[in-house]
Amino acid sequence: MRHVSTGQIEDLLAGSLPASTECCTCRICQARLAEATAMQNRLRRAFAGVWPSDKLHANLARQLRRAARRVGRASETMAAERLVKSEVAIDGGVCGFKTRATVESDDEQHVSFAIETDCEKISRLAATLTDRQPLDAYQEISPASESVFMRTVRETLTGCCAGCAVPAGLFKAMQVAAGLALPKDISIHLSKIEQ
């Protein structure tokens, strides 16, 4: 389910959203709706004593609806045209395999992976992810639902490869593409201590 659009919030406030429309109930959408409701209530209180003529009211309401639709369409079009990409290069360690990936999102929520690697197991992971994408990055980080990405990793990378560093790098790249994390390098330093 996609996040509630600005137009849907306006329709909800106006009571004109079709009953068949499913709205996202995530914390972010609920906060946006609560903020819009609070603003609407403040405006109603502020202008409670001001009553324009019926003709002026109808004219202003019509013009505001048109302007809101134009702004809503423009902002949704701009958001749809905004493609966000993140790139990650991962050195697998002692195995010597290298992995490069690009993660894309055109709505800052749903992501798709393009993975290049010389590791056979990571290639299988990439193929399986391709069949399951786009992934909803918000659901992937949610503690309330199982991560499709992590489930796919567990199914694909078994045995010694269960500790592979590549999935962590791919997961972070997914977060960056969805705007859920900043693009900051991560590192793991390993050493053996002999006694």
Protein backbone atom coordinates (compact mmCIF):
# COMPACT_ATOMS: atom_id res chain seq x y z
CA MET A 1 0.00 0.00 0.00
CA ARG A 2 1.33 3.43 -0.93
CA HIS A 3 1.43 6.43 1.37
CA VAL A 4 -1.55 8.78 1.36
CA SER A 5 -1.14 11.53 -1.24
CA THR A 6 -1.79 15.20 -0.57
CA GLY A 7 -4.89 14.99 -2.76
CA GLN A 8 -6.22 12.04 -0.76
CA ILE A 9 -5.70 13.95 2.50
CA GLU A 10 -7.67 16.89 1.06
CA ASP A 11 -10.43 14.52 -0.07
CA LEU A 12 -10.52 12.90 3.38
CA LEU A 13 -10.88 16.30 5.04
CA ALA A 14 -13.60 17.30 2.57
CA GLY A 15 -15.38 13.97 3.03
CA SER A 16 -15.18 13.24 -0.69
CA LEU A 17 -12.77 10.27 -0.76
CA PRO A 18 -14.48 7.25 -2.36
CA ALA A 19 -15.33 4.56 0.20
CA SER A 20 -13.46 1.94 -1.83
CA THR A 21 -10.16 3.82 -1.49
CA GLU A 22 -7.69 2.14 0.85
CA CYS A 23 -5.54 4.57 2.79
CA CYS A 24 -2.20 3.84 4.36
CA THR A 25 -2.41 3.66 8.14
CA CYS A 26 1.30 3.99 8.87
CA ARG A 27 2.60 6.40 11.51
CA ILE A 28 3.83 8.89 8.87
CA CYS A 29 0.50 9.09 7.01
CA GLN A 30 -1.45 9.32 10.26
CA ALA A 31 0.80 12.20 11.39
CA ARG A 32 0.27 14.02 8.06
CA LEU A 33 -3.49 13.54 8.32
CA ALA A 34 -3.52 14.72 11.97
CA GLU A 35 -1.53 17.83 11.01
CA ALA A 36 -3.90 18.65 8.13
CA THR A 37 -6.94 18.09 10.38
CA ALA A 38 -5.48 20.36 13.07
CA MET A 39 -4.81 23.08 10.47
CA GLN A 40 -8.35 22.78 9.11
CA ASN A 41 -9.77 23.08 12.64
CA ARG A 42 -7.60 26.14 13.40
CA LEU A 43 -8.76 27.82 10.18
CA ARG A 44 -12.41 27.07 10.96
CA ARG A 45 -12.04 28.59 14.44
CA ALA A 46 -10.15 31.62 13.11
CA PHE A 47 -12.81 32.41 10.52
CA ALA A 48 -15.87 31.22 12.43
CA GLY A 49 -17.32 34.74 12.62
CA VAL A 50 -16.64 35.64 9.00
CA TRP A 51 -19.40 34.66 6.60
CA PRO A 52 -18.98 35.48 2.90
CA SER A 53 -21.97 35.61 0.62
CA ASP A 54 -23.08 32.26 -0.82
CA LYS A 55 -21.95 33.33 -4.30
CA LEU A 56 -18.49 34.39 -3.07
CA HIS A 57 -18.17 31.20 -0.99
CA ALA A 58 -19.03 28.97 -3.95
CA ASN A 59 -16.65 30.86 -6.25
CA LEU A 60 -13.74 30.73 -3.77
CA ALA A 61 -14.35 27.05 -3.01
CA ARG A 62 -14.36 26.22 -6.73
CA GLN A 63 -11.14 28.16 -7.33
CA LEU A 64 -9.42 26.61 -4.32
CA ARG A 65 -10.37 23.09 -5.43
CA ARG A 66 -8.99 23.75 -8.91
CA ALA A 67 -5.76 25.19 -7.51
CA ALA A 68 -5.37 22.29 -5.08
CA ARG A 69 -5.86 19.76 -7.87
CA ARG A 70 -3.26 21.55 -10.04
CA VAL A 71 -0.76 21.71 -7.17
CA GLY A 72 -1.47 18.11 -6.19
CA ARG A 73 -1.00 16.85 -9.75
CA ALA A 74 2.17 18.89 -10.17
CA SER A 75 3.70 17.68 -6.91
CA GLU A 76 2.73 14.06 -7.60
CA THR A 77 4.18 14.34 -11.12
CA MET A 78 7.41 15.81 -9.75
CA ALA A 79 7.62 13.07 -7.13
CA ALA A 80 6.99 10.39 -9.76
CA GLU A 81 9.70 11.85 -11.99
CA ARG A 82 12.23 11.98 -9.17
CA LEU A 83 14.34 8.89 -9.45
CA VAL A 84 16.66 8.34 -6.50
CA LYS A 85 19.62 5.99 -6.86
CA SER A 86 22.20 4.71 -4.47
CA GLU A 87 25.28 2.71 -5.32
CA VAL A 88 27.28 0.33 -3.21
CA ALA A 89 30.56 -1.54 -3.79
CA ILE A 90 31.25 -4.44 -1.45
CA ASP A 91 34.42 -6.49 -1.05
CA GLY A 92 33.34 -9.85 0.34
CA GLY A 93 36.56 -10.37 2.26
CA VAL A 94 38.71 -13.49 2.20
CA CYS A 95 36.54 -15.11 -0.49
CA GLY A 96 37.78 -12.41 -2.88
CA PHE A 97 34.35 -11.81 -4.47
CA LYS A 98 33.29 -8.29 -5.35
CA THR A 99 29.73 -7.02 -5.59
CA ARG A 100 28.43 -3.76 -7.02
CA ALA A 101 24.82 -2.73 -6.86
CA THR A 102 22.55 0.14 -7.77
CA VAL A 103 19.30 0.55 -5.88
CA GLU A 104 16.61 2.79 -7.39
CA SER A 105 13.39 4.31 -6.12
CA ASP A 106 11.04 6.55 -8.06
CA ASP A 107 8.78 7.25 -5.07
CA GLU A 108 11.22 7.10 -2.12
CA GLN A 109 9.43 4.00 -0.83
CA HIS A 110 9.60 1.14 -3.34
CA VAL A 111 13.07 0.02 -4.40
CA SER A 112 14.59 -2.16 -7.12
CA PHE A 113 18.06 -3.71 -7.08
CA ALA A 114 20.51 -4.12 -9.98
CA ILE A 115 23.33 -6.34 -8.68
CA GLU A 116 26.58 -7.30 -10.41
CA THR A 117 28.83 -9.85 -8.74
CA ASP A 118 31.34 -12.60 -9.42
CA CYS A 119 29.93 -14.70 -6.55
CA GLU A 120 27.59 -17.52 -7.56
CA LYS A 121 25.54 -17.36 -4.34
CA ILE A 122 25.10 -13.59 -4.52
CA SER A 123 24.07 -14.04 -8.16
CA ARG A 124 21.30 -16.39 -6.98
CA LEU A 125 20.32 -13.84 -4.34
CA ALA A 126 20.17 -11.14 -7.04
CA ALA A 127 17.97 -13.32 -9.29
CA THR A 128 15.59 -14.12 -6.43
CA LEU A 129 15.37 -10.45 -5.41
CA THR A 130 14.62 -9.51 -9.02
CA ASP A 131 11.56 -11.78 -8.90
CA ARG A 132 10.36 -10.15 -5.66
CA GLN A 133 10.90 -6.50 -6.42
CA PRO A 134 10.08 -3.75 -6.08
CA LEU A 135 10.43 -4.02 -2.32
CA ASP A 136 8.64 -1.64 0.01
CA ALA A 137 11.52 -0.14 2.01
CA TYR A 138 9.17 1.01 4.77
CA GLN A 139 7.94 -2.55 5.31
CA GLU A 140 11.50 -3.85 5.09
CA ILE A 141 12.56 -1.82 8.15
CA SER A 142 9.29 -2.24 10.04
CA PRO A 143 9.49 -4.37 13.19
CA ALA A 144 5.83 -5.30 12.63
CA SER A 145 6.40 -7.31 9.46
CA GLU A 146 8.93 -9.78 8.14
CA SER A 147 11.50 -8.36 5.76
CA VAL A 148 11.23 -9.88 2.28
CA PHE A 149 14.88 -8.96 1.75
CA MET A 150 16.10 -10.72 4.91
CA ARG A 151 13.91 -13.77 4.24
CA THR A 152 15.40 -13.99 0.73
CA VAL A 153 18.93 -13.71 2.16
CA ARG A 154 18.24 -16.51 4.67
CA GLU A 155 16.82 -18.74 1.91
CA THR A 156 19.74 -18.08 -0.45
CA LEU A 157 22.86 -17.71 1.68
CA THR A 158 23.23 -20.79 3.84
CA GLY A 159 26.14 -22.42 5.60
CA CYS A 160 29.36 -20.43 5.66
CA CYS A 161 27.81 -17.70 3.49
CA ALA A 162 25.21 -16.90 6.16
CA GLY A 163 27.73 -14.42 7.60
CA CYS A 164 28.35 -12.65 4.27
CA ALA A 165 28.74 -8.86 4.49
CA VAL A 166 27.05 -8.25 1.12
CA PRO A 167 23.44 -8.31 2.42
CA ALA A 168 24.21 -5.62 5.00
CA GLY A 169 25.65 -3.39 2.27
CA LEU A 170 22.65 -4.00 -0.01
CA PHE A 171 20.23 -3.30 2.84
CA LYS A 172 21.95 0.02 3.62
CA ALA A 173 21.87 0.99 -0.08
CA MET A 174 18.12 0.25 -0.08
CA GLN A 175 17.66 2.58 2.90
CA VAL A 176 19.60 5.37 1.15
CA ALA A 177 17.57 5.03 -2.07
CA ALA A 178 14.33 5.28 -0.06
CA GLY A 179 15.54 8.28 1.94
CA LEU A 180 15.63 6.27 5.18
CA ALA A 181 19.39 6.65 5.73
CA LEU A 182 22.17 8.98 4.72
CA PRO A 183 24.91 7.76 2.36
CA LYS A 184 27.69 7.14 4.89
CA ASP A 185 30.29 4.40 4.44
CA ILE A 186 30.20 1.47 6.82
CA SER A 187 33.14 -0.76 7.64
CA ILE A 188 33.92 -3.98 9.43
CA HIS A 189 37.47 -4.69 10.65
CA LEU A 190 38.27 -8.27 11.63
CA SER A 191 41.31 -9.65 13.40
CA LYS A 192 42.16 -12.90 15.12
CA ILE A 193 43.65 -12.77 18.59
CA GLU A 194 45.96 -15.70 19.35
CA GLN A 195 46.71 -16.61 22.96
